[in-house]
């Protein structure tokens, strides 16, 4: 029988890095949506779509 593997310890930086990046992307997207039209609309759509797409990807991948 194999001994149980201990889970690897993660630092706070490793735990909160991706959520922090997604938060910054969301803030950039929301601010760019308020700033103006044209290119700013594209920036807001792209930056706000990334967290949604990642959530959908990992939701479908979990099975």
C-alpha atoms as a PDB file:
ATOM      1  CA  UNK A   1       0.000   0.000   0.000  1.00  0.00           C
ATOM      2  CA  UNK A   2       1.288   3.439  -0.927  1.00  0.00           C
ATOM      3  CA  UNK A   3       1.461   6.163   1.712  1.00  0.00           C
ATOM      4  CA  UNK A   4      -0.999   9.008   1.276  1.00  0.00           C
ATOM      5  CA  UNK A   5       0.416  11.998  -0.562  1.00  0.00           C
ATOM      6  CA  UNK A   6       0.438  15.217   1.394  1.00  0.00           C
ATOM      7  CA  UNK A   7      -1.031  18.198  -0.416  1.00  0.00           C
ATOM      8  CA  UNK A   8       1.521  20.762  -1.514  1.00  0.00           C
ATOM      9  CA  UNK A   9       1.505  23.956   0.552  1.00  0.00           C
ATOM     10  CA  UNK A  10       0.865  27.164  -1.362  1.00  0.00           C
ATOM     11  CA  UNK A  11       1.815  30.685  -0.426  1.00  0.00           C
ATOM     12  CA  UNK A  12      -0.728  33.498  -0.252  1.00  0.00           C
ATOM     13  CA  UNK A  13       0.752  34.886  -3.457  1.00  0.00           C
ATOM     14  CA  UNK A  14       0.106  31.622  -5.273  1.00  0.00           C
ATOM     15  CA  UNK A  15      -3.427  31.357  -3.913  1.00  0.00           C
ATOM     16  CA  UNK A  16      -4.527  34.900  -4.721  1.00  0.00           C
ATOM     17  CA  UNK A  17      -2.553  35.621  -7.923  1.00  0.00           C
ATOM     18  CA  UNK A  18      -5.180  34.518 -10.455  1.00  0.00           C
ATOM     19  CA  UNK A  19      -8.175  36.037  -8.601  1.00  0.00           C
ATOM     20  CA  UNK A  20      -6.241  39.317  -8.311  1.00  0.00           C
ATOM     21  CA  UNK A  21      -5.495  39.337 -12.053  1.00  0.00           C
ATOM     22  CA  UNK A  22      -9.156  38.615 -12.839  1.00  0.00           C
ATOM     23  CA  UNK A  23     -10.192  41.423 -10.498  1.00  0.00           C
ATOM     24  CA  UNK A  24      -7.838  43.885 -12.176  1.00  0.00           C
ATOM     25  CA  UNK A  25      -9.130  42.830 -15.610  1.00  0.00           C
ATOM     26  CA  UNK A  26     -12.700  43.390 -14.444  1.00  0.00           C
ATOM     27  CA  UNK A  27     -11.879  46.829 -13.054  1.00  0.00           C
ATOM     28  CA  UNK A  28     -10.101  47.809 -16.286  1.00  0.00           C
ATOM     29  CA  UNK A  29     -13.101  46.589 -18.276  1.00  0.00           C
ATOM     30  CA  UNK A  30     -15.607  48.501 -16.186  1.00  0.00           C
ATOM     31  CA  UNK A  31     -13.589  51.715 -16.244  1.00  0.00           C
ATOM     32  CA  UNK A  32     -12.965  51.486 -19.991  1.00  0.00           C
ATOM     33  CA  UNK A  33     -16.710  51.029 -20.542  1.00  0.00           C
ATOM     34  CA  UNK A  34     -17.321  54.293 -18.718  1.00  0.00           C
ATOM     35  CA  UNK A  35     -14.496  56.242 -20.372  1.00  0.00           C
ATOM     36  CA  UNK A  36     -15.669  56.397 -23.944  1.00  0.00           C
ATOM     37  CA  UNK A  37     -16.743  54.754 -27.161  1.00  0.00           C
ATOM     38  CA  UNK A  38     -14.991  53.120 -30.082  1.00  0.00           C
ATOM     39  CA  UNK A  39     -11.797  51.401 -29.006  1.00  0.00           C
ATOM     40  CA  UNK A  40     -12.815  51.640 -25.350  1.00  0.00           C
ATOM     41  CA  UNK A  41     -15.883  49.506 -26.054  1.00  0.00           C
ATOM     42  CA  UNK A  42     -13.669  46.796 -27.516  1.00  0.00           C
ATOM     43  CA  UNK A  43     -11.323  46.954 -24.538  1.00  0.00           C
ATOM     44  CA  UNK A  44     -14.229  46.666 -22.122  1.00  0.00           C
ATOM     45  CA  UNK A  45     -15.776  43.722 -23.988  1.00  0.00           C
ATOM     46  CA  UNK A  46     -12.463  41.868 -24.140  1.00  0.00           C
ATOM     47  CA  UNK A  47     -11.449  42.437 -20.534  1.00  0.00           C
ATOM     48  CA  UNK A  48     -14.902  41.615 -19.164  1.00  0.00           C
ATOM     49  CA  UNK A  49     -15.210  38.494 -21.330  1.00  0.00           C
ATOM     50  CA  UNK A  50     -11.970  36.900 -20.092  1.00  0.00           C
ATOM     51  CA  UNK A  51     -13.202  36.066 -16.542  1.00  0.00           C
ATOM     52  CA  UNK A  52     -16.511  34.752 -17.912  1.00  0.00           C
ATOM     53  CA  UNK A  53     -14.776  32.552 -20.473  1.00  0.00           C
ATOM     54  CA  UNK A  54     -12.341  31.204 -17.879  1.00  0.00           C
ATOM     55  CA  UNK A  55     -15.182  30.358 -15.487  1.00  0.00           C
ATOM     56  CA  UNK A  56     -17.033  28.540 -18.260  1.00  0.00           C
ATOM     57  CA  UNK A  57     -13.904  26.674 -19.317  1.00  0.00           C
ATOM     58  CA  UNK A  58     -13.090  25.438 -15.827  1.00  0.00           C
ATOM     59  CA  UNK A  59     -16.749  24.626 -15.117  1.00  0.00           C
ATOM     60  CA  UNK A  60     -16.882  22.370 -18.176  1.00  0.00           C
ATOM     61  CA  UNK A  61     -13.429  20.923 -17.483  1.00  0.00           C
ATOM     62  CA  UNK A  62     -14.208  19.813 -13.924  1.00  0.00           C
ATOM     63  CA  UNK A  63     -15.826  16.530 -15.016  1.00  0.00           C
END
